[in-house]
């Protein structure tokens, strides 16, 4: 028998349809590309947005590491 008060289940958004990774990521997967950054050898690229510092009256350049996304700033 089928009951009329059952709620239809949307399987695309239900919690059971999500796939969960049970495997623990290996060390090489976890720190891929960050080994040099841990030792201080970052790969700095210039962020294209220019920022003007009002207090100092200087143009500030933002450098961002390509591998680990760490930032540093220099004033010209």
N, C-alpha and C. Protein backbone atom coordinates (compact mmCIF):
# COMPACT_ATOMS: atom_id res chain seq x y z
N UNK A 1 0.83 -1.19 0.00
CA UNK A 1 0.00 0.00 0.00
C UNK A 1 0.87 1.25 0.00
N UNK A 2 0.39 2.24 -0.68
CA UNK A 2 1.10 3.50 -0.73
C UNK A 2 0.33 4.54 0.06
N UNK A 3 1.06 5.23 0.93
CA UNK A 3 0.41 6.25 1.73
C UNK A 3 0.44 7.58 0.99
N UNK A 4 -0.59 8.38 1.18
CA UNK A 4 -0.71 9.64 0.49
C UNK A 4 0.07 10.76 1.18
N UNK A 5 0.44 10.59 2.43
CA UNK A 5 1.12 11.66 3.17
C UNK A 5 2.64 11.60 3.08
N UNK A 6 3.20 10.81 2.17
CA UNK A 6 4.65 10.75 2.01
C UNK A 6 5.13 11.97 1.25
N UNK A 7 6.27 12.48 1.67
CA UNK A 7 6.87 13.64 1.02
C UNK A 7 7.81 13.13 -0.07
N UNK A 8 7.70 13.66 -1.28
CA UNK A 8 8.61 13.21 -2.35
C UNK A 8 10.03 13.67 -2.05
N UNK A 9 10.99 12.80 -2.33
CA UNK A 9 12.39 13.07 -2.03
C UNK A 9 13.08 13.51 -3.31
N UNK A 10 13.78 14.62 -3.23
CA UNK A 10 14.59 15.09 -4.34
C UNK A 10 15.99 14.51 -4.14
N UNK A 11 16.36 13.52 -4.94
CA UNK A 11 17.62 12.82 -4.74
C UNK A 11 18.83 13.65 -5.15
N UNK A 12 18.65 14.68 -5.96
CA UNK A 12 19.77 15.51 -6.37
C UNK A 12 20.30 16.35 -5.22
N UNK A 13 19.44 16.76 -4.32
CA UNK A 13 19.88 17.63 -3.22
C UNK A 13 19.85 16.93 -1.87
N UNK A 14 19.48 15.68 -1.83
CA UNK A 14 19.42 14.99 -0.55
C UNK A 14 20.83 14.69 -0.03
N UNK A 15 20.93 14.46 1.25
CA UNK A 15 22.23 14.24 1.88
C UNK A 15 22.84 12.90 1.46
N UNK A 16 22.03 11.97 1.07
CA UNK A 16 22.56 10.67 0.70
C UNK A 16 23.24 10.68 -0.67
N UNK A 17 22.94 11.65 -1.50
CA UNK A 17 23.52 11.67 -2.83
C UNK A 17 24.91 12.29 -2.86
N UNK A 18 25.33 12.95 -1.79
CA UNK A 18 26.66 13.55 -1.76
C UNK A 18 27.71 12.47 -1.57
N UNK A 19 28.80 12.61 -2.31
CA UNK A 19 29.89 11.64 -2.22
C UNK A 19 30.94 12.21 -1.28
N UNK A 20 31.32 11.43 -0.29
CA UNK A 20 32.29 11.85 0.71
C UNK A 20 33.56 11.04 0.51
N UNK A 21 34.71 11.73 0.52
CA UNK A 21 35.98 11.03 0.40
C UNK A 21 36.39 10.53 1.78
N UNK A 22 36.57 9.24 1.89
CA UNK A 22 36.99 8.65 3.16
C UNK A 22 38.49 8.49 3.23
N UNK A 23 39.16 8.53 2.09
CA UNK A 23 40.60 8.35 2.05
C UNK A 23 41.29 9.62 2.54
N UNK A 24 42.22 9.47 3.45
CA UNK A 24 42.99 10.59 3.96
C UNK A 24 43.99 11.02 2.88
N UNK A 25 44.08 12.34 2.58
CA UNK A 25 45.02 12.75 1.55
C UNK A 25 46.47 12.52 2.00
N UNK A 26 47.29 12.09 1.04
CA UNK A 26 48.68 11.83 1.38
C UNK A 26 49.40 13.16 1.57
N UNK A 27 50.59 13.09 2.11
CA UNK A 27 51.36 14.31 2.38
C UNK A 27 51.69 15.04 1.09
N UNK A 28 51.97 14.31 0.02
CA UNK A 28 52.29 14.97 -1.24
C UNK A 28 51.07 15.68 -1.83
N UNK A 29 49.88 15.14 -1.62
CA UNK A 29 48.68 15.80 -2.10
C UNK A 29 48.33 17.00 -1.22
N UNK A 30 48.54 16.87 0.07
CA UNK A 30 48.17 17.91 1.01
C UNK A 30 49.04 19.16 0.87
N UNK A 31 50.34 18.99 0.65
CA UNK A 31 51.27 20.11 0.58
C UNK A 31 51.83 20.29 -0.82
N UNK A 32 51.07 19.93 -1.84
CA UNK A 32 51.56 20.01 -3.22
C UNK A 32 51.86 21.46 -3.59
N UNK A 33 53.11 21.72 -3.98
CA UNK A 33 53.52 23.04 -4.41
C UNK A 33 53.85 24.00 -3.29
N UNK A 34 53.79 23.58 -2.04
CA UNK A 34 54.03 24.49 -0.93
C UNK A 34 55.34 24.20 -0.21
N UNK A 35 56.10 23.24 -0.67
CA UNK A 35 57.34 22.88 0.00
C UNK A 35 58.37 23.99 -0.03
N UNK A 36 58.49 24.65 -1.17
CA UNK A 36 59.44 25.76 -1.27
C UNK A 36 58.98 26.95 -0.44
N UNK A 37 57.68 27.17 -0.37
CA UNK A 37 57.15 28.29 0.40
C UNK A 37 57.41 28.11 1.89
N UNK A 38 57.36 26.89 2.38
CA UNK A 38 57.64 26.66 3.79
C UNK A 38 59.07 27.02 4.14
N UNK A 39 59.97 26.92 3.17
CA UNK A 39 61.38 27.25 3.40
C UNK A 39 61.68 28.72 3.09
N UNK A 40 60.68 29.49 2.68
CA UNK A 40 60.88 30.91 2.43
C UNK A 40 61.13 31.26 0.98
N UNK A 41 61.03 30.30 0.07
CA UNK A 41 61.25 30.54 -1.36
C UNK A 41 59.91 30.66 -2.06
N UNK A 42 59.28 31.83 -1.92
CA UNK A 42 57.98 32.06 -2.53
C UNK A 42 58.16 32.43 -4.00
N UNK A 43 57.11 32.27 -4.78
CA UNK A 43 57.10 32.68 -6.18
C UNK A 43 56.18 33.90 -6.27
N UNK A 44 56.78 35.09 -6.10
CA UNK A 44 56.01 36.32 -6.02
C UNK A 44 55.59 36.78 -7.41
N UNK A 45 54.32 37.13 -7.54
CA UNK A 45 53.80 37.78 -8.74
C UNK A 45 53.12 39.06 -8.30
N UNK A 46 53.12 40.06 -9.16
CA UNK A 46 52.54 41.35 -8.82
C UNK A 46 51.04 41.31 -9.05
N UNK A 47 50.31 41.72 -8.03
CA UNK A 47 48.86 41.83 -8.16
C UNK A 47 48.59 43.08 -8.99
N UNK A 48 47.78 42.96 -10.02
CA UNK A 48 47.59 44.03 -11.00
C UNK A 48 46.85 45.25 -10.46
N UNK A 49 46.15 45.11 -9.36
CA UNK A 49 45.42 46.26 -8.82
C UNK A 49 46.39 47.18 -8.09
N UNK A 50 46.41 48.45 -8.46
CA UNK A 50 47.27 49.42 -7.78
C UNK A 50 46.50 50.09 -6.66
N UNK A 51 47.13 50.24 -5.53
CA UNK A 51 46.50 50.84 -4.36
C UNK A 51 47.30 52.08 -3.99
N UNK A 52 46.60 53.18 -3.73
CA UNK A 52 47.24 54.42 -3.32
C UNK A 52 47.04 54.59 -1.83
N UNK A 53 48.13 54.69 -1.08
CA UNK A 53 48.07 54.87 0.37
C UNK A 53 47.95 56.36 0.67
N UNK A 54 46.84 56.76 1.26
CA UNK A 54 46.57 58.17 1.51
C UNK A 54 47.47 58.72 2.61
N UNK A 55 47.74 57.96 3.63
CA UNK A 55 48.53 58.46 4.75
C UNK A 55 49.97 58.75 4.35
N UNK A 56 50.57 57.85 3.57
CA UNK A 56 51.95 58.04 3.16
C UNK A 56 52.05 58.80 1.84
N UNK A 57 50.99 58.83 1.05
CA UNK A 57 51.02 59.48 -0.25
C UNK A 57 51.85 58.71 -1.25
N UNK A 58 51.86 57.40 -1.14
CA UNK A 58 52.66 56.55 -2.02
C UNK A 58 51.80 55.51 -2.72
N UNK A 59 52.32 55.01 -3.80
CA UNK A 59 51.68 53.91 -4.50
C UNK A 59 52.16 52.61 -3.87
N UNK A 60 51.23 51.75 -3.50
CA UNK A 60 51.57 50.50 -2.82
C UNK A 60 51.38 49.35 -3.80
N UNK A 61 52.41 48.52 -3.94
CA UNK A 61 52.35 47.36 -4.81
C UNK A 61 52.14 46.12 -3.95
N UNK A 62 51.20 45.30 -4.35
CA UNK A 62 50.91 44.07 -3.62
C UNK A 62 51.50 42.90 -4.39
N UNK A 63 52.35 42.13 -3.72
CA UNK A 63 52.92 40.92 -4.29
C UNK A 63 52.18 39.73 -3.67
N UNK A 64 51.80 38.76 -4.49
CA UNK A 64 51.08 37.58 -4.02
C UNK A 64 51.84 36.33 -4.48
N UNK A 65 52.04 35.38 -3.58
CA UNK A 65 52.72 34.13 -3.93
C UNK A 65 51.79 33.29 -4.79
N UNK A 66 52.31 32.80 -5.87
CA UNK A 66 51.51 32.01 -6.82
C UNK A 66 51.13 30.65 -6.24
N UNK A 67 51.98 30.11 -5.38
CA UNK A 67 51.73 28.77 -4.85
C UNK A 67 50.89 28.76 -3.59
N UNK A 68 51.16 29.66 -2.63
CA UNK A 68 50.47 29.57 -1.34
C UNK A 68 49.57 30.76 -1.04
N UNK A 69 49.48 31.76 -1.91
CA UNK A 69 48.61 32.93 -1.79
C UNK A 69 48.98 33.88 -0.66
N UNK A 70 50.18 33.81 -0.15
CA UNK A 70 50.63 34.75 0.88
C UNK A 70 50.89 36.09 0.21
N UNK A 71 50.65 37.19 0.92
CA UNK A 71 50.82 38.52 0.32
C UNK A 71 51.88 39.31 1.07
N UNK A 72 52.51 40.23 0.33
CA UNK A 72 53.41 41.21 0.92
C UNK A 72 53.24 42.50 0.15
N UNK A 73 53.54 43.61 0.77
CA UNK A 73 53.35 44.91 0.14
C UNK A 73 54.66 45.67 0.14
N UNK A 74 54.85 46.47 -0.89
CA UNK A 74 55.98 47.38 -0.96
C UNK A 74 55.47 48.75 -1.39
N UNK A 75 56.03 49.81 -0.81
CA UNK A 75 55.65 51.16 -1.15
C UNK A 75 56.72 51.75 -2.07
N UNK A 76 56.27 52.41 -3.11
CA UNK A 76 57.19 53.02 -4.07
C UNK A 76 57.34 54.50 -3.75
